[in-house]
N, C-alpha and C. Protein backbone atom coordinates (compact mmCIF):
# COMPACT_ATOMS: atom_id res chain seq x y z
N MET A 1 76.81 45.13 93.41
CA MET A 1 78.04 45.32 92.67
C MET A 1 77.91 46.48 91.68
N PHE A 2 76.78 46.51 90.97
CA PHE A 2 76.55 47.59 90.01
C PHE A 2 76.57 48.94 90.70
N ARG A 3 76.02 48.98 91.89
CA ARG A 3 75.96 50.22 92.65
C ARG A 3 77.37 50.71 93.02
N VAL A 4 78.24 49.81 93.39
CA VAL A 4 79.61 50.15 93.74
C VAL A 4 80.34 50.68 92.51
N LEU A 5 80.15 50.02 91.36
CA LEU A 5 80.79 50.48 90.12
C LEU A 5 80.27 51.87 89.72
N ASN A 6 79.00 52.07 89.91
CA ASN A 6 78.39 53.36 89.60
C ASN A 6 78.98 54.46 90.49
N ARG A 7 79.16 54.17 91.77
CA ARG A 7 79.74 55.14 92.71
C ARG A 7 81.19 55.43 92.35
N ILE A 8 81.93 54.41 91.96
CA ILE A 8 83.33 54.60 91.56
C ILE A 8 83.39 55.47 90.31
N SER A 9 82.50 55.22 89.37
CA SER A 9 82.44 56.01 88.15
C SER A 9 82.11 57.47 88.46
N GLU A 10 81.15 57.68 89.36
CA GLU A 10 80.80 59.05 89.76
C GLU A 10 81.97 59.74 90.45
N PHE A 11 82.67 59.00 91.30
CA PHE A 11 83.83 59.56 91.99
C PHE A 11 84.91 59.95 90.99
N GLU A 12 85.17 59.07 90.01
CA GLU A 12 86.20 59.37 88.99
C GLU A 12 85.81 60.59 88.18
N GLU A 13 84.54 60.70 87.81
CA GLU A 13 84.07 61.86 87.04
C GLU A 13 84.20 63.13 87.86
N SER A 14 83.84 63.05 89.13
CA SER A 14 83.98 64.20 90.01
C SER A 14 85.44 64.61 90.14
N ASP A 15 86.31 63.64 90.25
CA ASP A 15 87.75 63.90 90.34
C ASP A 15 88.25 64.58 89.06
N ARG A 16 87.82 64.11 87.90
CA ARG A 16 88.22 64.73 86.63
C ARG A 16 87.72 66.17 86.54
N GLU A 17 86.48 66.41 86.97
CA GLU A 17 85.94 67.77 86.95
C GLU A 17 86.72 68.69 87.87
N GLN A 18 87.07 68.21 89.04
CA GLN A 18 87.86 69.02 89.97
C GLN A 18 89.25 69.31 89.39
N THR A 19 89.84 68.32 88.75
CA THR A 19 91.16 68.50 88.14
C THR A 19 91.08 69.53 87.02
N ARG A 20 90.04 69.45 86.20
CA ARG A 20 89.83 70.45 85.14
C ARG A 20 89.64 71.83 85.74
N GLY A 21 88.85 71.91 86.79
CA GLY A 21 88.62 73.19 87.45
C GLY A 21 89.91 73.77 88.01
N LEU A 22 90.72 72.93 88.63
CA LEU A 22 92.00 73.40 89.15
C LEU A 22 92.93 73.86 88.03
N SER A 23 92.95 73.11 86.94
CA SER A 23 93.79 73.50 85.80
C SER A 23 93.34 74.84 85.24
N LEU A 24 92.05 75.02 85.10
CA LEU A 24 91.52 76.28 84.60
C LEU A 24 91.85 77.43 85.55
N SER A 25 91.72 77.19 86.84
CA SER A 25 92.06 78.21 87.82
C SER A 25 93.54 78.57 87.74
N GLN A 26 94.39 77.57 87.54
CA GLN A 26 95.83 77.82 87.43
C GLN A 26 96.13 78.64 86.17
N LEU A 27 95.47 78.33 85.07
CA LEU A 27 95.65 79.11 83.83
C LEU A 27 95.23 80.56 84.04
N ARG A 28 94.10 80.76 84.69
CA ARG A 28 93.63 82.12 84.96
C ARG A 28 94.62 82.86 85.85
N THR A 29 95.10 82.16 86.87
CA THR A 29 96.07 82.77 87.79
C THR A 29 97.34 83.17 87.05
N ASN A 30 97.85 82.28 86.21
CA ASN A 30 99.06 82.58 85.43
C ASN A 30 98.84 83.79 84.53
N TYR A 31 97.68 83.80 83.85
CA TYR A 31 97.37 84.93 82.96
C TYR A 31 97.33 86.24 83.74
N LEU A 32 96.64 86.22 84.88
CA LEU A 32 96.51 87.44 85.68
C LEU A 32 97.86 87.89 86.25
N GLU A 33 98.71 86.93 86.62
CA GLU A 33 100.05 87.30 87.10
C GLU A 33 100.87 87.95 86.00
N GLU A 34 100.78 87.41 84.79
CA GLU A 34 101.49 88.01 83.65
C GLU A 34 100.95 89.40 83.34
N GLU A 35 99.64 89.52 83.34
CA GLU A 35 99.00 90.82 83.07
C GLU A 35 99.40 91.83 84.15
N ASN A 36 99.42 91.39 85.39
CA ASN A 36 99.80 92.25 86.49
C ASN A 36 101.25 92.73 86.32
N ALA A 37 102.14 91.81 85.95
CA ALA A 37 103.55 92.18 85.75
C ALA A 37 103.68 93.20 84.62
N THR A 38 102.94 92.99 83.54
CA THR A 38 102.97 93.91 82.41
C THR A 38 102.47 95.29 82.84
N LEU A 39 101.37 95.31 83.57
CA LEU A 39 100.83 96.59 84.03
C LEU A 39 101.77 97.28 85.02
N GLN A 40 102.42 96.50 85.87
CA GLN A 40 103.37 97.08 86.82
C GLN A 40 104.53 97.73 86.08
N GLN A 41 105.02 97.07 85.04
CA GLN A 41 106.10 97.64 84.23
C GLN A 41 105.64 98.93 83.57
N ARG A 42 104.41 98.94 83.09
CA ARG A 42 103.86 100.14 82.44
C ARG A 42 103.74 101.29 83.44
N ILE A 43 103.29 100.96 84.64
CA ILE A 43 103.17 101.99 85.69
C ILE A 43 104.54 102.57 86.00
N GLU A 44 105.55 101.70 86.13
CA GLU A 44 106.90 102.17 86.43
C GLU A 44 107.43 103.06 85.31
N SER A 45 107.16 102.67 84.07
CA SER A 45 107.59 103.47 82.92
C SER A 45 106.91 104.84 82.93
N LEU A 46 105.61 104.86 83.16
CA LEU A 46 104.87 106.12 83.19
C LEU A 46 105.32 106.99 84.36
N THR A 47 105.64 106.37 85.48
CA THR A 47 106.13 107.12 86.64
C THR A 47 107.46 107.79 86.31
N ARG A 48 108.35 107.04 85.65
CA ARG A 48 109.64 107.64 85.25
C ARG A 48 109.43 108.77 84.26
N GLN A 49 108.52 108.59 83.31
CA GLN A 49 108.25 109.65 82.34
C GLN A 49 107.71 110.89 83.04
N LYS A 50 106.79 110.70 83.99
CA LYS A 50 106.23 111.84 84.71
C LYS A 50 107.31 112.55 85.51
N GLN A 51 108.18 111.80 86.16
CA GLN A 51 109.26 112.41 86.93
C GLN A 51 110.16 113.24 86.02
N ASN A 52 110.47 112.70 84.83
CA ASN A 52 111.30 113.44 83.88
C ASN A 52 110.60 114.71 83.41
N LEU A 53 109.30 114.61 83.13
CA LEU A 53 108.55 115.79 82.70
C LEU A 53 108.47 116.83 83.82
N ASP A 54 108.24 116.38 85.04
CA ASP A 54 108.21 117.30 86.17
C ASP A 54 109.54 118.03 86.32
N ARG A 55 110.63 117.28 86.18
CA ARG A 55 111.96 117.88 86.27
C ARG A 55 112.16 118.91 85.16
N MET A 56 111.74 118.57 83.95
CA MET A 56 111.89 119.50 82.83
C MET A 56 111.07 120.77 83.05
N VAL A 57 109.87 120.63 83.59
CA VAL A 57 109.02 121.80 83.87
C VAL A 57 109.70 122.68 84.91
N ARG A 58 110.23 122.06 85.98
CA ARG A 58 110.92 122.85 87.01
C ARG A 58 112.12 123.57 86.41
N GLU A 59 112.89 122.88 85.56
CA GLU A 59 114.05 123.51 84.93
C GLU A 59 113.63 124.68 84.04
N CYS A 60 112.57 124.49 83.28
CA CYS A 60 112.07 125.57 82.42
C CYS A 60 111.58 126.75 83.26
N GLN A 61 110.87 126.45 84.34
CA GLN A 61 110.39 127.51 85.21
C GLN A 61 111.56 128.26 85.84
N ALA A 62 112.59 127.52 86.27
CA ALA A 62 113.76 128.17 86.87
C ALA A 62 114.48 129.03 85.83
N GLU A 63 114.60 128.54 84.62
CA GLU A 63 115.25 129.30 83.55
C GLU A 63 114.42 130.54 83.22
N ARG A 64 113.13 130.40 83.17
CA ARG A 64 112.25 131.54 82.88
C ARG A 64 112.35 132.57 84.00
N HIS A 65 112.37 132.11 85.24
CA HIS A 65 112.50 133.02 86.38
C HIS A 65 113.83 133.75 86.30
N LYS A 66 114.87 133.04 85.92
CA LYS A 66 116.20 133.64 85.78
C LYS A 66 116.20 134.71 84.68
N GLU A 67 115.54 134.41 83.56
CA GLU A 67 115.47 135.36 82.45
C GLU A 67 114.70 136.62 82.87
N VAL A 68 113.59 136.42 83.57
CA VAL A 68 112.78 137.55 84.01
C VAL A 68 113.57 138.39 85.00
N SER A 69 114.28 137.75 85.91
CA SER A 69 115.09 138.47 86.90
C SER A 69 116.19 139.27 86.20
N CYS A 70 116.87 138.66 85.24
CA CYS A 70 117.93 139.35 84.51
C CYS A 70 117.37 140.56 83.74
N ALA A 71 116.24 140.37 83.10
CA ALA A 71 115.62 141.45 82.35
C ALA A 71 115.21 142.58 83.29
N PHE A 72 114.69 142.23 84.45
CA PHE A 72 114.29 143.23 85.42
C PHE A 72 115.50 144.05 85.91
N PHE A 73 116.58 143.35 86.24
CA PHE A 73 117.77 144.05 86.71
C PHE A 73 118.42 144.87 85.62
N GLN A 74 118.42 144.38 84.39
CA GLN A 74 118.99 145.14 83.28
C GLN A 74 118.16 146.39 83.01
N HIS A 75 116.88 146.26 83.14
CA HIS A 75 115.99 147.39 82.88
C HIS A 75 116.13 148.45 83.99
N ASN A 76 116.39 148.06 85.20
CA ASN A 76 116.49 148.97 86.33
C ASN A 76 117.89 149.53 86.52
N THR A 77 118.87 149.13 85.74
CA THR A 77 120.22 149.65 85.92
C THR A 77 120.56 150.65 84.86
């Protein structure tokens, strides 16, 4: 009888440890999912900023090219 009670106690303890392990794994998963979402938002924000900067550089280059072309034509006329 004592042996059966001891086995039941061991089984219950093992079950509690597995439950704790699962809970901890779920907490880690939730944390990592939140962190991933935050990082994804940051990546999207940085991508938009880079696209805007690239557009501004192209516009400045086009304006500079236009100014140089105008100056060249004015100088040659």
